[in-house]
Amino acid sequence: GIVARRKGWAIEGTRVRVEKHMSESPRRVGRLVVRFEMPGGLPAESHATLEETARTCPVAQSIHPDIDLEVQFRWA
């Protein structure tokens, strides 16, 4: 959101879904799949910037390295 506001890109209507996949042994979160559904009307040059921002944000960097984090984007 911060980067989008700074660039003047309207991201209202963005939806995010997170899937949790458990590991068997030991039983814990093994994988997270984060799916961004982006609204239409964003310029093509915003795609790479917003995807890189999501993958390198402090929250993504705070997830334990043993957890497989998959980030996906769907552009309208």
Protein backbone atom coordinates (compact mmCIF):
# COMPACT_ATOMS: atom_id res chain seq x y z
CA GLY A 1 0.00 0.00 0.00
CA ILE A 2 2.78 2.44 0.84
CA VAL A 3 4.53 2.01 -2.51
CA ALA A 4 1.26 2.18 -4.44
CA ARG A 5 0.25 5.43 -2.70
CA ARG A 6 3.69 6.94 -3.30
CA LYS A 7 3.42 6.11 -7.02
CA GLY A 8 -0.23 7.20 -7.29
CA TRP A 9 -1.50 3.69 -8.14
CA ALA A 10 -5.03 2.95 -6.91
CA ILE A 11 -5.13 -0.53 -5.38
CA GLU A 12 -8.60 -0.32 -3.82
CA GLY A 13 -10.40 -3.59 -4.42
CA THR A 14 -7.27 -5.72 -4.01
CA ARG A 15 -8.06 -9.08 -2.43
CA VAL A 16 -5.55 -11.34 -0.68
CA ARG A 17 -6.02 -14.98 0.23
CA VAL A 18 -3.62 -17.03 2.36
CA GLU A 19 -3.54 -20.83 2.35
CA LYS A 20 -1.79 -22.66 5.18
CA HIS A 21 -0.32 -26.11 4.50
CA MET A 22 0.80 -28.18 7.45
CA SER A 23 3.88 -30.40 7.66
CA GLU A 24 3.48 -33.89 9.08
CA SER A 25 6.53 -34.36 11.25
CA PRO A 26 6.90 -32.26 13.23
CA ARG A 27 3.37 -30.92 12.87
CA ARG A 28 3.70 -27.25 12.04
CA VAL A 29 3.10 -24.79 9.23
CA GLY A 30 5.25 -25.92 6.33
CA ARG A 31 4.01 -23.76 3.49
CA LEU A 32 2.06 -20.56 2.97
CA VAL A 33 0.53 -19.61 -0.37
CA VAL A 34 -0.41 -15.93 -0.63
CA ARG A 35 -2.59 -15.00 -3.61
CA PHE A 36 -3.08 -11.36 -4.55
CA GLU A 37 -6.01 -10.52 -6.84
CA MET A 38 -5.22 -7.08 -8.18
CA PRO A 39 -7.83 -4.65 -9.52
CA GLY A 40 -7.94 -3.54 -13.12
CA GLY A 41 -6.66 -0.19 -14.25
CA LEU A 42 -3.15 -0.46 -12.84
CA PRO A 43 -0.42 0.45 -15.32
CA ALA A 44 1.69 -2.42 -16.64
CA GLU A 45 4.84 -0.93 -15.09
CA SER A 46 3.27 -1.31 -11.62
CA HIS A 47 3.19 -5.11 -11.80
CA ALA A 48 6.89 -5.86 -11.30
CA THR A 49 7.26 -3.15 -8.65
CA LEU A 50 4.29 -4.31 -6.57
CA GLU A 51 5.26 -7.98 -6.86
CA GLU A 52 8.84 -7.28 -5.73
CA THR A 53 7.55 -5.10 -2.90
CA ALA A 54 5.27 -7.89 -1.65
CA ARG A 55 8.07 -10.46 -1.72
CA THR A 56 10.55 -8.25 0.14
CA CYS A 57 8.24 -6.57 2.67
CA PRO A 58 9.05 -6.81 6.40
CA VAL A 59 6.20 -9.28 6.98
CA ALA A 60 7.46 -11.66 4.28
CA GLN A 61 10.99 -11.33 5.63
CA SER A 62 9.77 -12.18 9.16
CA ILE A 63 8.42 -15.60 8.23
CA HIS A 64 10.66 -18.39 9.47
CA PRO A 65 13.02 -19.61 6.72
CA ASP A 66 11.81 -23.21 7.17
CA ILE A 67 8.37 -22.17 5.91
CA ASP A 68 8.00 -22.27 2.14
CA LEU A 69 6.41 -18.96 1.12
CA GLU A 70 4.76 -18.80 -2.30
CA VAL A 71 3.44 -15.42 -3.47
CA GLN A 72 1.18 -15.30 -6.52
CA PHE A 73 -0.44 -12.38 -8.34
CA ARG A 74 -3.47 -12.31 -10.59
CA TRP A 75 -3.81 -9.11 -12.58
CA ALA A 76 -7.28 -8.06 -13.83
